């Protein structure tokens, strides 16, 4: 029972991170990542023709360098290397469905130095959740 309760608490904190970042991402993407336009950002499920689906913590669409881009992200309390590998597989499936460039981003409260290094090696943008307030000047702009 304890493991189930701790897991539920972890999901709640993860949802809190998502709720905090999602509405503010358009300003951040425009100011720091050169997006010209960012459309609706949300938490959603991506459904596939075979009936399976992927839960996506951060999903949006935008325009960058004149091209349409799908924005895919994860929010994690404690990011692990496995989370990164799972995100890669998810992005491969989403890429096949949408056939567009994918911008990848992760927001996490904590991760080990080795995990953060792996994020950078995989060309995934990374934000520590505590940085959100430091970037407030960008995040308040939509």
C-alpha atoms as a PDB file:
ATOM      1  CA  UNK A   1       0.000   0.000   0.000  1.00  0.00           C
ATOM      2  CA  UNK A   2       2.823   2.372   0.834  1.00  0.00           C
ATOM      3  CA  UNK A   3       4.384   1.972  -2.628  1.00  0.00           C
ATOM      4  CA  UNK A   4       1.030   2.747  -4.244  1.00  0.00           C
ATOM      5  CA  UNK A   5       0.583   5.868  -2.090  1.00  0.00           C
ATOM      6  CA  UNK A   6       4.108   7.102  -2.828  1.00  0.00           C
ATOM      7  CA  UNK A   7       3.533   6.482  -6.532  1.00  0.00           C
ATOM      8  CA  UNK A   8       0.304   8.481  -6.380  1.00  0.00           C
ATOM      9  CA  UNK A   9       2.091  11.323  -4.621  1.00  0.00           C
ATOM     10  CA  UNK A  10       4.817  11.318  -7.274  1.00  0.00           C
ATOM     11  CA  UNK A  11       2.174  11.546 -10.021  1.00  0.00           C
ATOM     12  CA  UNK A  12       0.525  14.468  -8.202  1.00  0.00           C
ATOM     13  CA  UNK A  13       3.805  16.374  -8.026  1.00  0.00           C
ATOM     14  CA  UNK A  14       4.417  15.585 -11.699  1.00  0.00           C
ATOM     15  CA  UNK A  15       1.014  16.989 -12.623  1.00  0.00           C
ATOM     16  CA  UNK A  16       1.809  20.086 -10.567  1.00  0.00           C
ATOM     17  CA  UNK A  17       5.010  20.590 -12.596  1.00  0.00           C
ATOM     18  CA  UNK A  18       3.068  20.152 -15.832  1.00  0.00           C
ATOM     19  CA  UNK A  19       0.385  22.593 -14.697  1.00  0.00           C
ATOM     20  CA  UNK A  20       3.082  25.122 -13.789  1.00  0.00           C
ATOM     21  CA  UNK A  21       5.070  24.933 -17.022  1.00  0.00           C
ATOM     22  CA  UNK A  22       2.546  24.226 -19.791  1.00  0.00           C
ATOM     23  CA  UNK A  23       0.815  27.637 -19.835  1.00  0.00           C
ATOM     24  CA  UNK A  24       4.175  29.406 -19.757  1.00  0.00           C
ATOM     25  CA  UNK A  25       5.989  27.413 -22.426  1.00  0.00           C
ATOM     26  CA  UNK A  26       4.910  29.550 -25.400  1.00  0.00           C
ATOM     27  CA  UNK A  27       6.846  32.564 -24.065  1.00  0.00           C
ATOM     28  CA  UNK A  28       9.877  30.452 -23.221  1.00  0.00           C
ATOM     29  CA  UNK A  29       9.881  28.759 -26.635  1.00  0.00           C
ATOM     30  CA  UNK A  30       9.636  32.101 -28.425  1.00  0.00           C
ATOM     31  CA  UNK A  31      12.261  33.889 -26.321  1.00  0.00           C
ATOM     32  CA  UNK A  32      14.846  31.143 -25.803  1.00  0.00           C
ATOM     33  CA  UNK A  33      14.300  28.709 -28.671  1.00  0.00           C
ATOM     34  CA  UNK A  34      13.416  31.006 -31.593  1.00  0.00           C
ATOM     35  CA  UNK A  35       9.864  29.817 -32.222  1.00  0.00           C
ATOM     36  CA  UNK A  36       7.913  32.308 -34.331  1.00  0.00           C
ATOM     37  CA  UNK A  37       4.548  30.870 -33.272  1.00  0.00           C
ATOM     38  CA  UNK A  38       3.424  28.425 -30.596  1.00  0.00           C
ATOM     39  CA  UNK A  39      -0.074  27.022 -30.642  1.00  0.00           C
ATOM     40  CA  UNK A  40      -2.031  25.426 -27.831  1.00  0.00           C
ATOM     41  CA  UNK A  41       0.122  23.577 -25.291  1.00  0.00           C
ATOM     42  CA  UNK A  42      -1.490  20.762 -23.331  1.00  0.00           C
ATOM     43  CA  UNK A  43      -1.174  17.377 -21.624  1.00  0.00           C
ATOM     44  CA  UNK A  44      -2.734  14.755 -23.875  1.00  0.00           C
ATOM     45  CA  UNK A  45      -2.787  11.232 -25.237  1.00  0.00           C
ATOM     46  CA  UNK A  46      -1.584  10.541 -28.767  1.00  0.00           C
ATOM     47  CA  UNK A  47      -3.693   7.749 -30.259  1.00  0.00           C
ATOM     48  CA  UNK A  48      -2.504   5.392 -32.987  1.00  0.00           C
ATOM     49  CA  UNK A  49      -4.393   3.447 -35.632  1.00  0.00           C
ATOM     50  CA  UNK A  50      -3.899   0.143 -33.801  1.00  0.00           C
ATOM     51  CA  UNK A  51      -5.751   1.462 -30.734  1.00  0.00           C
ATOM     52  CA  UNK A  52      -2.650   2.014 -28.611  1.00  0.00           C
ATOM     53  CA  UNK A  53      -1.762   5.432 -27.258  1.00  0.00           C
ATOM     54  CA  UNK A  54       1.024   7.384 -25.589  1.00  0.00           C
ATOM     55  CA  UNK A  55       0.488   9.733 -22.668  1.00  0.00           C
ATOM     56  CA  UNK A  56       2.340  12.972 -23.393  1.00  0.00           C
ATOM     57  CA  UNK A  57       3.064  15.362 -20.527  1.00  0.00           C
ATOM     58  CA  UNK A  58       3.724  18.348 -22.813  1.00  0.00           C
ATOM     59  CA  UNK A  59       2.333  18.547 -26.341  1.00  0.00           C
ATOM     60  CA  UNK A  60       2.077  21.470 -28.687  1.00  0.00           C
ATOM     61  CA  UNK A  61       2.626  22.683 -32.204  1.00  0.00           C
ATOM     62  CA  UNK A  62       4.530  25.687 -33.419  1.00  0.00           C
ATOM     63  CA  UNK A  63       6.604  27.243 -36.142  1.00  0.00           C
ATOM     64  CA  UNK A  64      10.369  27.608 -36.055  1.00  0.00           C
ATOM     65  CA  UNK A  65      12.618  28.665 -38.923  1.00  0.00           C
ATOM     66  CA  UNK A  66       9.533  28.690 -41.143  1.00  0.00           C
ATOM     67  CA  UNK A  67       8.740  25.004 -40.488  1.00  0.00           C
ATOM     68  CA  UNK A  68       5.923  23.357 -38.562  1.00  0.00           C
ATOM     69  CA  UNK A  69       7.239  21.686 -35.415  1.00  0.00           C
ATOM     70  CA  UNK A  70       5.663  19.304 -32.911  1.00  0.00           C
ATOM     71  CA  UNK A  71       6.658  20.047 -29.302  1.00  0.00           C
ATOM     72  CA  UNK A  72       6.938  16.966 -27.074  1.00  0.00           C
ATOM     73  CA  UNK A  73       8.002  17.057 -23.463  1.00  0.00           C
ATOM     74  CA  UNK A  74       8.133  15.213 -20.179  1.00  0.00           C
ATOM     75  CA  UNK A  75       7.803  16.503 -16.637  1.00  0.00           C
ATOM     76  CA  UNK A  76       9.382  14.353 -13.972  1.00  0.00           C
ATOM     77  CA  UNK A  77       9.991  14.726 -10.266  1.00  0.00           C
ATOM     78  CA  UNK A  78      13.088  12.504 -10.383  1.00  0.00           C
ATOM     79  CA  UNK A  79      14.295  12.009 -13.945  1.00  0.00           C
ATOM     80  CA  UNK A  80      16.032   8.715 -14.657  1.00  0.00           C
ATOM     81  CA  UNK A  81      17.916   7.354 -17.646  1.00  0.00           C
ATOM     82  CA  UNK A  82      14.996   4.964 -18.233  1.00  0.00           C
ATOM     83  CA  UNK A  83      12.667   7.978 -18.534  1.00  0.00           C
ATOM     84  CA  UNK A  84      14.882   9.304 -21.316  1.00  0.00           C
ATOM     85  CA  UNK A  85      14.910   5.986 -23.161  1.00  0.00           C
ATOM     86  CA  UNK A  86      11.111   5.731 -22.848  1.00  0.00           C
ATOM     87  CA  UNK A  87      10.762   9.284 -24.172  1.00  0.00           C
ATOM     88  CA  UNK A  88      12.925   8.406 -27.179  1.00  0.00           C
ATOM     89  CA  UNK A  89      10.694   5.445 -28.065  1.00  0.00           C
ATOM     90  CA  UNK A  90       7.596   7.600 -27.625  1.00  0.00           C
ATOM     91  CA  UNK A  91       9.067  10.299 -29.873  1.00  0.00           C
ATOM     92  CA  UNK A  92       9.825   7.707 -32.570  1.00  0.00           C
ATOM     93  CA  UNK A  93       6.147   6.649 -32.587  1.00  0.00           C
ATOM     94  CA  UNK A  94       4.933  10.258 -32.594  1.00  0.00           C
ATOM     95  CA  UNK A  95       7.358  11.114 -35.409  1.00  0.00           C
ATOM     96  CA  UNK A  96       5.909   8.320 -37.551  1.00  0.00           C
ATOM     97  CA  UNK A  97       2.385   9.599 -36.912  1.00  0.00           C
ATOM     98  CA  UNK A  98       2.959  13.319 -37.543  1.00  0.00           C
ATOM     99  CA  UNK A  99       5.938  13.202 -39.946  1.00  0.00           C
ATOM    100  CA  UNK A 100       7.164  16.593 -38.704  1.00  0.00           C
ATOM    101  CA  UNK A 101      10.218  17.876 -36.888  1.00  0.00           C
ATOM    102  CA  UNK A 102      10.025  17.252 -33.127  1.00  0.00           C
ATOM    103  CA  UNK A 103      11.269  19.693 -30.502  1.00  0.00           C
ATOM    104  CA  UNK A 104      12.070  17.737 -27.312  1.00  0.00           C
ATOM    105  CA  UNK A 105      12.047  19.213 -23.813  1.00  0.00           C
ATOM    106  CA  UNK A 106      12.191  17.843 -20.272  1.00  0.00           C
ATOM    107  CA  UNK A 107      11.330  19.642 -17.029  1.00  0.00           C
ATOM    108  CA  UNK A 108      12.504  17.867 -13.879  1.00  0.00           C
ATOM    109  CA  UNK A 109      12.858  18.628 -10.200  1.00  0.00           C
ATOM    110  CA  UNK A 110      15.909  16.382  -9.867  1.00  0.00           C
ATOM    111  CA  UNK A 111      18.235  14.110 -11.808  1.00  0.00           C
ATOM    112  CA  UNK A 112      21.734  12.762 -11.409  1.00  0.00           C
ATOM    113  CA  UNK A 113      24.666  14.382 -13.244  1.00  0.00           C
ATOM    114  CA  UNK A 114      24.922  11.292 -15.487  1.00  0.00           C
ATOM    115  CA  UNK A 115      21.235  11.536 -16.380  1.00  0.00           C
ATOM    116  CA  UNK A 116      21.546  15.233 -17.194  1.00  0.00           C
ATOM    117  CA  UNK A 117      24.559  14.427 -19.384  1.00  0.00           C
ATOM    118  CA  UNK A 118      22.491  11.811 -21.252  1.00  0.00           C
ATOM    119  CA  UNK A 119      19.708  14.376 -21.838  1.00  0.00           C
ATOM    120  CA  UNK A 120      22.234  16.694 -23.480  1.00  0.00           C
ATOM    121  CA  UNK A 121      23.727  13.849 -25.551  1.00  0.00           C
ATOM    122  CA  UNK A 122      20.226  13.059 -26.865  1.00  0.00           C
ATOM    123  CA  UNK A 123      19.698  16.733 -27.879  1.00  0.00           C
ATOM    124  CA  UNK A 124      16.785  17.183 -25.508  1.00  0.00           C
ATOM    125  CA  UNK A 125      16.296  20.622 -23.998  1.00  0.00           C
ATOM    126  CA  UNK A 126      16.371  20.438 -20.199  1.00  0.00           C
ATOM    127  CA  UNK A 127      14.958  22.731 -17.518  1.00  0.00           C
ATOM    128  CA  UNK A 128      15.287  22.190 -13.786  1.00  0.00           C
ATOM    129  CA  UNK A 129      11.921  23.009 -12.234  1.00  0.00           C
ATOM    130  CA  UNK A 130      13.591  25.503  -9.871  1.00  0.00           C
ATOM    131  CA  UNK A 131      14.743  27.501 -12.908  1.00  0.00           C
ATOM    132  CA  UNK A 132      11.164  28.382 -13.801  1.00  0.00           C
ATOM    133  CA  UNK A 133      11.144  31.387 -11.497  1.00  0.00           C
ATOM    134  CA  UNK A 134      14.578  32.521 -12.761  1.00  0.00           C
ATOM    135  CA  UNK A 135      13.145  32.514 -16.273  1.00  0.00           C
ATOM    136  CA  UNK A 136       9.996  34.310 -15.167  1.00  0.00           C
ATOM    137  CA  UNK A 137      10.628  37.288 -17.445  1.00  0.00           C
ATOM    138  CA  UNK A 138      10.283  34.933 -20.424  1.00  0.00           C
ATOM    139  CA  UNK A 139       7.617  32.705 -19.003  1.00  0.00           C
ATOM    140  CA  UNK A 140       5.165  35.518 -18.321  1.00  0.00           C
ATOM    141  CA  UNK A 141       5.164  36.467 -22.016  1.00  0.00           C
ATOM    142  CA  UNK A 142       2.808  34.524 -24.238  1.00  0.00           C
END
